[in-house]
């Protein structure tokens, strides 16, 4: 019989991996959008912050 805690640990690990994957995809898509649309700069401070952070880390 499987330990219920072990199954929950696997679920948590899977969710964490999914979130990291989505976060990475979201950041990449935002960066691409900001490259294509200069008129969006200054519209949303968080988008500018993420885009600037990606540029500085590259």
N, C-alpha and C. Protein backbone atom coordinates (compact mmCIF):
# COMPACT_ATOMS: atom_id res chain seq x y z
N UNK A 1 0.84 -1.18 0.00
CA UNK A 1 0.00 0.00 0.00
C UNK A 1 0.88 1.25 0.00
N UNK A 2 0.53 2.21 -0.84
CA UNK A 2 1.33 3.42 -0.97
C UNK A 2 1.04 4.37 0.18
N UNK A 3 2.10 5.02 0.64
CA UNK A 3 1.98 6.02 1.69
C UNK A 3 1.27 7.25 1.11
N UNK A 4 0.15 7.71 1.70
CA UNK A 4 -0.58 8.86 1.14
C UNK A 4 0.27 10.14 1.09
N UNK A 5 1.18 10.27 2.02
CA UNK A 5 2.05 11.45 2.04
C UNK A 5 2.97 11.45 0.83
N UNK A 6 3.44 10.27 0.44
CA UNK A 6 4.33 10.16 -0.72
C UNK A 6 3.61 10.58 -1.99
N UNK A 7 2.36 10.18 -2.14
CA UNK A 7 1.56 10.58 -3.31
C UNK A 7 1.34 12.08 -3.33
N UNK A 8 1.09 12.67 -2.18
CA UNK A 8 0.89 14.12 -2.08
C UNK A 8 2.18 14.85 -2.44
N UNK A 9 3.32 14.30 -2.01
CA UNK A 9 4.62 14.91 -2.34
C UNK A 9 4.83 14.94 -3.85
N UNK A 10 4.45 13.85 -4.52
CA UNK A 10 4.60 13.80 -5.97
C UNK A 10 3.69 14.83 -6.65
N UNK A 11 2.47 14.98 -6.11
CA UNK A 11 1.55 15.97 -6.66
C UNK A 11 2.12 17.38 -6.51
N UNK A 12 2.68 17.67 -5.36
CA UNK A 12 3.26 18.99 -5.11
C UNK A 12 4.43 19.24 -6.05
N UNK A 13 5.28 18.24 -6.22
CA UNK A 13 6.42 18.39 -7.14
C UNK A 13 5.95 18.64 -8.57
N UNK A 14 4.90 17.93 -8.98
CA UNK A 14 4.36 18.10 -10.33
C UNK A 14 3.79 19.51 -10.51
N UNK A 15 3.09 20.00 -9.52
CA UNK A 15 2.51 21.35 -9.59
C UNK A 15 3.61 22.41 -9.64
N UNK A 16 4.66 22.23 -8.86
CA UNK A 16 5.78 23.18 -8.87
C UNK A 16 6.44 23.20 -10.24
N UNK A 17 6.65 22.03 -10.85
CA UNK A 17 7.25 21.97 -12.18
C UNK A 17 6.36 22.66 -13.21
N UNK A 18 5.04 22.46 -13.12
CA UNK A 18 4.12 23.10 -14.05
C UNK A 18 4.17 24.62 -13.90
N UNK A 19 4.19 25.10 -12.67
CA UNK A 19 4.24 26.55 -12.44
C UNK A 19 5.52 27.16 -12.99
N UNK A 20 6.64 26.48 -12.80
CA UNK A 20 7.91 27.00 -13.32
C UNK A 20 7.89 27.04 -14.84
N UNK A 21 7.31 26.02 -15.46
CA UNK A 21 7.21 25.99 -16.91
C UNK A 21 6.32 27.12 -17.42
N UNK A 22 5.19 27.34 -16.77
CA UNK A 22 4.28 28.41 -17.17
C UNK A 22 4.92 29.78 -16.95
N UNK A 23 5.63 29.93 -15.85
CA UNK A 23 6.29 31.20 -15.56
C UNK A 23 7.32 31.52 -16.64
N UNK A 24 8.07 30.52 -17.04
CA UNK A 24 9.09 30.71 -18.07
C UNK A 24 8.44 31.07 -19.41
N UNK A 25 7.38 30.34 -19.77
CA UNK A 25 6.69 30.63 -21.03
C UNK A 25 6.07 32.02 -21.02
N UNK A 26 5.49 32.41 -19.89
CA UNK A 26 4.87 33.72 -19.78
C UNK A 26 5.92 34.83 -19.94
N UNK A 27 7.05 34.67 -19.29
CA UNK A 27 8.12 35.66 -19.39
C UNK A 27 8.64 35.77 -20.82
N UNK A 28 8.81 34.63 -21.47
CA UNK A 28 9.28 34.65 -22.86
C UNK A 28 8.27 35.33 -23.78
N UNK A 29 7.00 35.04 -23.59
CA UNK A 29 5.96 35.64 -24.42
C UNK A 29 5.88 37.15 -24.18
N UNK A 30 6.00 37.55 -22.93
CA UNK A 30 5.97 38.97 -22.61
C UNK A 30 7.16 39.69 -23.24
N UNK A 31 8.32 39.09 -23.16
CA UNK A 31 9.51 39.68 -23.75
C UNK A 31 9.35 39.83 -25.26
N UNK A 32 8.83 38.81 -25.91
CA UNK A 32 8.63 38.85 -27.35
C UNK A 32 7.61 39.93 -27.71
N UNK A 33 6.55 40.04 -26.95
CA UNK A 33 5.54 41.06 -27.19
C UNK A 33 6.12 42.46 -27.05
N UNK A 34 6.93 42.65 -26.02
CA UNK A 34 7.52 43.97 -25.79
C UNK A 34 8.51 44.32 -26.91
N UNK A 35 9.17 43.32 -27.49
CA UNK A 35 10.05 43.58 -28.63
C UNK A 35 9.26 44.01 -29.86
N UNK A 36 8.10 43.39 -30.05
CA UNK A 36 7.30 43.65 -31.24
C UNK A 36 6.48 44.93 -31.12
N UNK A 37 6.14 45.33 -29.89
CA UNK A 37 5.23 46.46 -29.68
C UNK A 37 5.85 47.49 -28.75
N UNK A 38 6.61 48.40 -29.30
CA UNK A 38 7.23 49.46 -28.52
C UNK A 38 6.19 50.36 -27.85
N UNK A 39 5.00 50.45 -28.44
CA UNK A 39 3.97 51.31 -27.89
C UNK A 39 3.42 50.80 -26.54
N UNK A 40 3.75 49.58 -26.18
CA UNK A 40 3.27 49.03 -24.91
C UNK A 40 4.15 49.42 -23.73
N UNK A 41 5.36 49.89 -24.00
CA UNK A 41 6.25 50.30 -22.91
C UNK A 41 5.62 51.45 -22.15
N UNK A 42 5.58 51.32 -20.83
CA UNK A 42 5.00 52.34 -19.98
C UNK A 42 3.53 52.14 -19.68
N UNK A 43 2.90 51.16 -20.31
CA UNK A 43 1.48 50.92 -20.08
C UNK A 43 1.25 50.19 -18.76
N UNK A 44 2.10 49.23 -18.46
CA UNK A 44 1.94 48.45 -17.24
C UNK A 44 3.32 48.31 -16.59
N UNK A 45 3.45 48.82 -15.38
CA UNK A 45 4.75 48.86 -14.70
C UNK A 45 5.33 47.46 -14.49
N UNK A 46 4.51 46.48 -14.15
CA UNK A 46 5.02 45.13 -13.91
C UNK A 46 5.55 44.52 -15.21
N UNK A 47 4.87 44.75 -16.32
CA UNK A 47 5.35 44.24 -17.61
C UNK A 47 6.70 44.86 -17.95
N UNK A 48 6.84 46.16 -17.71
CA UNK A 48 8.12 46.82 -17.95
C UNK A 48 9.21 46.24 -17.06
N UNK A 49 8.87 46.00 -15.80
CA UNK A 49 9.83 45.45 -14.84
C UNK A 49 10.32 44.07 -15.27
N UNK A 50 9.40 43.21 -15.67
CA UNK A 50 9.76 41.85 -16.10
C UNK A 50 10.61 41.92 -17.37
N UNK A 51 10.20 42.75 -18.31
CA UNK A 51 10.95 42.88 -19.56
C UNK A 51 12.36 43.39 -19.30
N UNK A 52 12.49 44.41 -18.47
CA UNK A 52 13.81 44.94 -18.12
C UNK A 52 14.66 43.89 -17.41
N UNK A 53 14.04 43.14 -16.53
CA UNK A 53 14.77 42.08 -15.82
C UNK A 53 15.30 41.01 -16.76
N UNK A 54 14.50 40.65 -17.75
CA UNK A 54 14.95 39.65 -18.73
C UNK A 54 16.08 40.20 -19.58
N UNK A 55 16.02 41.45 -19.93
CA UNK A 55 17.09 42.06 -20.74
C UNK A 55 18.40 42.10 -19.96
N UNK A 56 18.32 42.45 -18.69
CA UNK A 56 19.53 42.55 -17.87
C UNK A 56 20.13 41.19 -17.57
N UNK A 57 19.29 40.16 -17.53
CA UNK A 57 19.82 38.82 -17.19
C UNK A 57 20.36 38.09 -18.42
N UNK A 58 20.09 38.59 -19.60
CA UNK A 58 20.53 37.91 -20.83
C UNK A 58 22.00 38.08 -21.08
